[in-house]
């Protein structure tokens, strides 16, 4: 779940200063011993600010990954 929160927060950071307060809130409240309820709240807050992409967008992104 930490990785998903990281990915969501990273996506927020790509929208310039629009979500800066939420990013700062997440950064202030995250720590290694975070309980699941709090982690889920942070995830939900992040997802509300940056809704999940559609399944079709995810499939397209996977197909477009460049092989090394």
PDB file of N, CA and C in Angstrom:
ATOM      1  N   UNK A   1       0.813  -1.196   0.000  1.00  0.00           N
ATOM      2  CA  UNK A   1       0.000   0.000   0.000  1.00  0.00           C
ATOM      3  C   UNK A   1       0.860   1.265   0.000  1.00  0.00           C
ATOM      4  N   UNK A   2       2.016   1.205   0.625  1.00  0.00           N
ATOM      5  CA  UNK A   2       2.890   2.371   0.623  1.00  0.00           C
ATOM      6  C   UNK A   2       3.308   2.719  -0.804  1.00  0.00           C
ATOM      7  N   UNK A   3       3.556   1.683  -1.609  1.00  0.00           N
ATOM      8  CA  UNK A   3       3.955   1.927  -2.998  1.00  0.00           C
ATOM      9  C   UNK A   3       2.821   2.599  -3.777  1.00  0.00           C
ATOM     10  N   UNK A   4       1.596   2.156  -3.545  1.00  0.00           N
ATOM     11  CA  UNK A   4       0.452   2.774  -4.223  1.00  0.00           C
ATOM     12  C   UNK A   4       0.280   4.229  -3.795  1.00  0.00           C
ATOM     13  N   UNK A   5       0.471   4.497  -2.512  1.00  0.00           N
ATOM     14  CA  UNK A   5       0.379   5.875  -2.040  1.00  0.00           C
ATOM     15  C   UNK A   5       1.491   6.713  -2.654  1.00  0.00           C
ATOM     16  N   UNK A   6       2.670   6.149  -2.754  1.00  0.00           N
ATOM     17  CA  UNK A   6       3.781   6.849  -3.397  1.00  0.00           C
ATOM     18  C   UNK A   6       3.430   7.186  -4.847  1.00  0.00           C
ATOM     19  N   UNK A   7       2.908   6.219  -5.580  1.00  0.00           N
ATOM     20  CA  UNK A   7       2.565   6.445  -6.979  1.00  0.00           C
ATOM     21  C   UNK A   7       1.487   7.510  -7.125  1.00  0.00           C
ATOM     22  N   UNK A   8       0.496   7.456  -6.278  1.00  0.00           N
ATOM     23  CA  UNK A   8      -0.581   8.446  -6.316  1.00  0.00           C
ATOM     24  C   UNK A   8      -0.046   9.840  -5.987  1.00  0.00           C
ATOM     25  N   UNK A   9       0.778   9.926  -4.958  1.00  0.00           N
ATOM     26  CA  UNK A   9       1.337  11.213  -4.555  1.00  0.00           C
ATOM     27  C   UNK A   9       2.251  11.765  -5.638  1.00  0.00           C
ATOM     28  N   UNK A  10       3.009  10.885  -6.257  1.00  0.00           N
ATOM     29  CA  UNK A  10       3.888  11.307  -7.352  1.00  0.00           C
ATOM     30  C   UNK A  10       3.058  11.862  -8.512  1.00  0.00           C
ATOM     31  N   UNK A  11       1.941  11.231  -8.818  1.00  0.00           N
ATOM     32  CA  UNK A  11       1.061  11.725  -9.873  1.00  0.00           C
ATOM     33  C   UNK A  11       0.519  13.113  -9.521  1.00  0.00           C
ATOM     34  N   UNK A  12       0.212  13.331  -8.245  1.00  0.00           N
ATOM     35  CA  UNK A  12      -0.260  14.645  -7.818  1.00  0.00           C
ATOM     36  C   UNK A  12       0.805  15.712  -8.038  1.00  0.00           C
ATOM     37  N   UNK A  13       2.052  15.351  -7.803  1.00  0.00           N
ATOM     38  CA  UNK A  13       3.133  16.330  -7.912  1.00  0.00           C
ATOM     39  C   UNK A  13       3.341  16.788  -9.349  1.00  0.00           C
ATOM     40  N   UNK A  14       2.833  16.049 -10.304  1.00  0.00           N
ATOM     41  CA  UNK A  14       2.988  16.415 -11.711  1.00  0.00           C
ATOM     42  C   UNK A  14       1.970  17.458 -12.148  1.00  0.00           C
ATOM     43  N   UNK A  15       1.078  17.846 -11.255  1.00  0.00           N
ATOM     44  CA  UNK A  15       0.054  18.846 -11.567  1.00  0.00           C
ATOM     45  C   UNK A  15       0.421  20.197 -10.955  1.00  0.00           C
ATOM     46  N   UNK A  16       1.669  20.565 -11.095  1.00  0.00           N
ATOM     47  CA  UNK A  16       2.229  21.820 -10.589  1.00  0.00           C
ATOM     48  C   UNK A  16       1.883  22.044  -9.116  1.00  0.00           C
ATOM     49  N   UNK A  17       1.415  23.222  -8.785  1.00  0.00           N
ATOM     50  CA  UNK A  17       1.159  23.570  -7.382  1.00  0.00           C
ATOM     51  C   UNK A  17      -0.275  23.283  -6.957  1.00  0.00           C
ATOM     52  N   UNK A  18      -1.057  22.720  -7.848  1.00  0.00           N
ATOM     53  CA  UNK A  18      -2.482  22.514  -7.586  1.00  0.00           C
ATOM     54  C   UNK A  18      -2.733  21.666  -6.341  1.00  0.00           C
ATOM     55  N   UNK A  19      -1.920  20.665  -6.097  1.00  0.00           N
ATOM     56  CA  UNK A  19      -2.142  19.734  -4.987  1.00  0.00           C
ATOM     57  C   UNK A  19      -1.049  19.818  -3.919  1.00  0.00           C
ATOM     58  N   UNK A  20      -0.342  20.929  -3.869  1.00  0.00           N
ATOM     59  CA  UNK A  20       0.794  21.042  -2.960  1.00  0.00           C
ATOM     60  C   UNK A  20       0.401  20.857  -1.492  1.00  0.00           C
ATOM     61  N   UNK A  21      -0.735  21.392  -1.090  1.00  0.00           N
ATOM     62  CA  UNK A  21      -1.161  21.264   0.314  1.00  0.00           C
ATOM     63  C   UNK A  21      -1.451  19.809   0.668  1.00  0.00           C
ATOM     64  N   UNK A  22      -2.071  19.075  -0.248  1.00  0.00           N
ATOM     65  CA  UNK A  22      -2.354  17.659   0.003  1.00  0.00           C
ATOM     66  C   UNK A  22      -1.059  16.863   0.073  1.00  0.00           C
ATOM     67  N   UNK A  23      -0.123  17.153  -0.809  1.00  0.00           N
ATOM     68  CA  UNK A  23       1.168  16.459  -0.778  1.00  0.00           C
ATOM     69  C   UNK A  23       1.865  16.713   0.557  1.00  0.00           C
ATOM     70  N   UNK A  24       1.856  17.945   1.006  1.00  0.00           N
ATOM     71  CA  UNK A  24       2.476  18.278   2.294  1.00  0.00           C
ATOM     72  C   UNK A  24       1.763  17.568   3.444  1.00  0.00           C
ATOM     73  N   UNK A  25       0.440  17.469   3.369  1.00  0.00           N
ATOM     74  CA  UNK A  25      -0.334  16.764   4.391  1.00  0.00           C
ATOM     75  C   UNK A  25       0.057  15.281   4.433  1.00  0.00           C
ATOM     76  N   UNK A  26       0.159  14.669   3.267  1.00  0.00           N
ATOM     77  CA  UNK A  26       0.553  13.257   3.194  1.00  0.00           C
ATOM     78  C   UNK A  26       1.959  13.082   3.754  1.00  0.00           C
ATOM     79  N   UNK A  27       2.877  13.950   3.358  1.00  0.00           N
ATOM     80  CA  UNK A  27       4.260  13.863   3.835  1.00  0.00           C
ATOM     81  C   UNK A  27       4.345  14.032   5.351  1.00  0.00           C
ATOM     82  N   UNK A  28       3.512  14.880   5.903  1.00  0.00           N
ATOM     83  CA  UNK A  28       3.541  15.122   7.346  1.00  0.00           C
ATOM     84  C   UNK A  28       2.956  13.961   8.145  1.00  0.00           C
ATOM     85  N   UNK A  29       2.106  13.168   7.505  1.00  0.00           N
ATOM     86  CA  UNK A  29       1.408  12.111   8.238  1.00  0.00           C
ATOM     87  C   UNK A  29       1.890  10.699   7.945  1.00  0.00           C
ATOM     88  N   UNK A  30       2.818  10.544   7.043  1.00  0.00           N
ATOM     89  CA  UNK A  30       3.278   9.191   6.724  1.00  0.00           C
ATOM     90  C   UNK A  30       4.524   8.844   7.530  1.00  0.00           C
ATOM     91  N   UNK A  31       4.561   7.620   8.001  1.00  0.00           N
ATOM     92  CA  UNK A  31       5.730   7.090   8.697  1.00  0.00           C
ATOM     93  C   UNK A  31       5.682   5.566   8.598  1.00  0.00           C
ATOM     94  N   UNK A  32       6.781   4.917   8.916  1.00  0.00           N
ATOM     95  CA  UNK A  32       6.917   3.473   8.705  1.00  0.00           C
ATOM     96  C   UNK A  32       5.927   2.647   9.523  1.00  0.00           C
ATOM     97  N   UNK A  33       5.508   3.138  10.682  1.00  0.00           N
ATOM     98  CA  UNK A  33       4.613   2.373  11.555  1.00  0.00           C
ATOM     99  C   UNK A  33       3.153   2.786  11.413  1.00  0.00           C
ATOM    100  N   UNK A  34       2.792   3.308  10.273  1.00  0.00           N
ATOM    101  CA  UNK A  34       1.438   3.791  10.027  1.00  0.00           C
ATOM    102  C   UNK A  34       0.440   2.636  10.088  1.00  0.00           C
ATOM    103  N   UNK A  35      -0.672   2.838  10.805  1.00  0.00           N
ATOM    104  CA  UNK A  35      -1.685   1.786  10.863  1.00  0.00           C
ATOM    105  C   UNK A  35      -2.489   1.791   9.556  1.00  0.00           C
ATOM    106  N   UNK A  36      -3.137   0.691   9.271  1.00  0.00           N
ATOM    107  CA  UNK A  36      -3.807   0.516   7.988  1.00  0.00           C
ATOM    108  C   UNK A  36      -4.941   1.527   7.782  1.00  0.00           C
ATOM    109  N   UNK A  37      -5.660   1.856   8.831  1.00  0.00           N
ATOM    110  CA  UNK A  37      -6.767   2.813   8.714  1.00  0.00           C
ATOM    111  C   UNK A  37      -6.260   4.170   8.241  1.00  0.00           C
ATOM    112  N   UNK A  38      -5.178   4.643   8.832  1.00  0.00           N
ATOM    113  CA  UNK A  38      -4.618   5.938   8.461  1.00  0.00           C
ATOM    114  C   UNK A  38      -4.038   5.895   7.053  1.00  0.00           C
ATOM    115  N   UNK A  39      -3.380   4.799   6.728  1.00  0.00           N
ATOM    116  CA  UNK A  39      -2.832   4.638   5.385  1.00  0.00           C
ATOM    117  C   UNK A  39      -3.947   4.675   4.339  1.00  0.00           C
ATOM    118  N   UNK A  40      -5.055   4.001   4.626  1.00  0.00           N
ATOM    119  CA  UNK A  40      -6.184   3.993   3.699  1.00  0.00           C
ATOM    120  C   UNK A  40      -6.803   5.386   3.580  1.00  0.00           C
ATOM    121  N   UNK A  41      -6.832   6.133   4.670  1.00  0.00           N
ATOM    122  CA  UNK A  41      -7.357   7.497   4.608  1.00  0.00           C
ATOM    123  C   UNK A  41      -6.485   8.356   3.705  1.00  0.00           C
ATOM    124  N   UNK A  42      -5.173   8.241   3.855  1.00  0.00           N
ATOM    125  CA  UNK A  42      -4.266   9.002   2.990  1.00  0.00           C
ATOM    126  C   UNK A  42      -4.442   8.604   1.531  1.00  0.00           C
ATOM    127  N   UNK A  43      -4.600   7.298   1.284  1.00  0.00           N
ATOM    128  CA  UNK A  43      -4.819   6.814  -0.084  1.00  0.00           C
ATOM    129  C   UNK A  43      -6.113   7.388  -0.647  1.00  0.00           C
ATOM    130  N   UNK A  44      -7.170   7.351   0.131  1.00  0.00           N
ATOM    131  CA  UNK A  44      -8.454   7.875  -0.334  1.00  0.00           C
ATOM    132  C   UNK A  44      -8.380   9.373  -0.618  1.00  0.00           C
ATOM    133  N   UNK A  45      -7.704  10.120   0.242  1.00  0.00           N
ATOM    134  CA  UNK A  45      -7.529  11.551   0.012  1.00  0.00           C
ATOM    135  C   UNK A  45      -6.790  11.798  -1.301  1.00  0.00           C
ATOM    136  N   UNK A  46      -5.759  11.023  -1.527  1.00  0.00           N
ATOM    137  CA  UNK A  46      -4.967  11.165  -2.742  1.00  0.00           C
ATOM    138  C   UNK A  46      -5.806  10.799  -3.970  1.00  0.00           C
ATOM    139  N   UNK A  47      -6.517   9.709  -3.893  1.00  0.00           N
ATOM    140  CA  UNK A  47      -7.325   9.265  -5.029  1.00  0.00           C
ATOM    141  C   UNK A  47      -8.443  10.237  -5.363  1.00  0.00           C
ATOM    142  N   UNK A  48      -9.009  10.882  -4.360  1.00  0.00           N
ATOM    143  CA  UNK A  48     -10.059  11.869  -4.622  1.00  0.00           C
ATOM    144  C   UNK A  48      -9.505  13.065  -5.385  1.00  0.00           C
ATOM    145  N   UNK A  49      -8.275  13.432  -5.089  1.00  0.00           N
ATOM    146  CA  UNK A  49      -7.647  14.555  -5.777  1.00  0.00           C
ATOM    147  C   UNK A  49      -7.180  14.168  -7.174  1.00  0.00           C
ATOM    148  N   UNK A  50      -6.842  12.901  -7.352  1.00  0.00           N
ATOM    149  CA  UNK A  50      -6.354  12.399  -8.628  1.00  0.00           C
ATOM    150  C   UNK A  50      -7.033  11.064  -8.905  1.00  0.00           C
ATOM    151  N   UNK A  51      -8.236  11.093  -9.482  1.00  0.00           N
ATOM    152  CA  UNK A  51      -8.980   9.851  -9.702  1.00  0.00           C
ATOM    153  C   UNK A  51      -8.175   8.833 -10.502  1.00  0.00           C
ATOM    154  N   UNK A  52      -8.433   7.573 -10.207  1.00  0.00           N
ATOM    155  CA  UNK A  52      -7.738   6.497 -10.899  1.00  0.00           C
ATOM    156  C   UNK A  52      -8.023   6.542 -12.387  1.00  0.00           C
ATOM    157  N   UNK A  53      -7.037   6.170 -13.161  1.00  0.00           N
ATOM    158  CA  UNK A  53      -7.219   6.080 -14.595  1.00  0.00           C
ATOM    159  C   UNK A  53      -8.130   4.902 -14.907  1.00  0.00           C
ATOM    160  N   UNK A  54      -8.672   4.921 -16.065  1.00  0.00           N
ATOM    161  CA  UNK A  54      -9.538   3.821 -16.457  1.00  0.00           C
ATOM    162  C   UNK A  54      -8.701   2.581 -16.723  1.00  0.00           C
ATOM    163  N   UNK A  55      -9.335   1.448 -16.683  1.00  0.00           N
ATOM    164  CA  UNK A  55      -8.646   0.187 -16.953  1.00  0.00           C
ATOM    165  C   UNK A  55      -8.040   0.208 -18.358  1.00  0.00           C
ATOM    166  N   UNK A  56      -8.734   0.807 -19.286  1.00  0.00           N
ATOM    167  CA  UNK A  56      -8.228   0.881 -20.657  1.00  0.00           C
ATOM    168  C   UNK A  56      -6.928   1.685 -20.727  1.00  0.00           C
ATOM    169  N   UNK A  57      -6.857   2.793 -19.990  1.00  0.00           N
ATOM    170  CA  UNK A  57      -5.627   3.585 -19.958  1.00  0.00           C
ATOM    171  C   UNK A  57      -4.471   2.777 -19.375  1.00  0.00           C
ATOM    172  N   UNK A  58      -4.752   2.001 -18.334  1.00  0.00           N
ATOM    173  CA  UNK A  58      -3.707   1.173 -17.726  1.00  0.00           C
ATOM    174  C   UNK A  58      -3.226   0.102 -18.691  1.00  0.00           C
ATOM    175  N   UNK A  59      -4.160  -0.522 -19.399  1.00  0.00           N
ATOM    176  CA  UNK A  59      -3.777  -1.545 -20.385  1.00  0.00           C
ATOM    177  C   UNK A  59      -2.914  -0.936 -21.474  1.00  0.00           C
ATOM    178  N   UNK A  60      -3.295   0.234 -21.976  1.00  0.00           N
ATOM    179  CA  UNK A  60      -2.503   0.912 -22.999  1.00  0.00           C
ATOM    180  C   UNK A  60      -1.111   1.254 -22.491  1.00  0.00           C
ATOM    181  N   UNK A  61      -1.024   1.716 -21.241  1.00  0.00           N
ATOM    182  CA  UNK A  61       0.279   2.077 -20.662  1.00  0.00           C
ATOM    183  C   UNK A  61       1.183   0.849 -20.555  1.00  0.00           C
ATOM    184  N   UNK A  62       0.615  -0.277 -20.170  1.00  0.00           N
ATOM    185  CA  UNK A  62       1.393  -1.517 -20.073  1.00  0.00           C
ATOM    186  C   UNK A  62       1.890  -1.937 -21.445  1.00  0.00           C
ATOM    187  N   UNK A  63       1.029  -1.827 -22.437  1.00  0.00           N
ATOM    188  CA  UNK A  63       1.419  -2.223 -23.795  1.00  0.00           C
ATOM    189  C   UNK A  63       2.506  -1.318 -24.360  1.00  0.00           C
ATOM    190  N   UNK A  64       2.571  -0.083 -23.895  1.00  0.00           N
ATOM    191  CA  UNK A  64       3.536   0.877 -24.426  1.00  0.00           C
ATOM    192  C   UNK A  64       4.870   0.900 -23.678  1.00  0.00           C
ATOM    193  N   UNK A  65       5.049   0.033 -22.707  1.00  0.00           N
ATOM    194  CA  UNK A  65       6.324  -0.046 -21.987  1.00  0.00           C
ATOM    195  C   UNK A  65       7.390  -0.519 -22.968  1.00  0.00           C
ATOM    196  N   UNK A  66       8.477   0.224 -22.992  1.00  0.00           N
ATOM    197  CA  UNK A  66       9.572  -0.113 -23.883  1.00  0.00           C
ATOM    198  C   UNK A  66      10.432  -1.219 -23.287  1.00  0.00           C
ATOM    199  N   UNK A  67      10.740  -2.211 -24.087  1.00  0.00           N
ATOM    200  CA  UNK A  67      11.603  -3.294 -23.609  1.00  0.00           C
ATOM    201  C   UNK A  67      13.054  -2.882 -23.793  1.00  0.00           C
ATOM    202  N   UNK A  68      13.870  -3.277 -22.847  1.00  0.00           N
ATOM    203  CA  UNK A  68      15.287  -2.929 -22.877  1.00  0.00           C
ATOM    204  C   UNK A  68      16.057  -3.913 -23.702  1.00  0.00           C
TER     205      UNK A  68
END
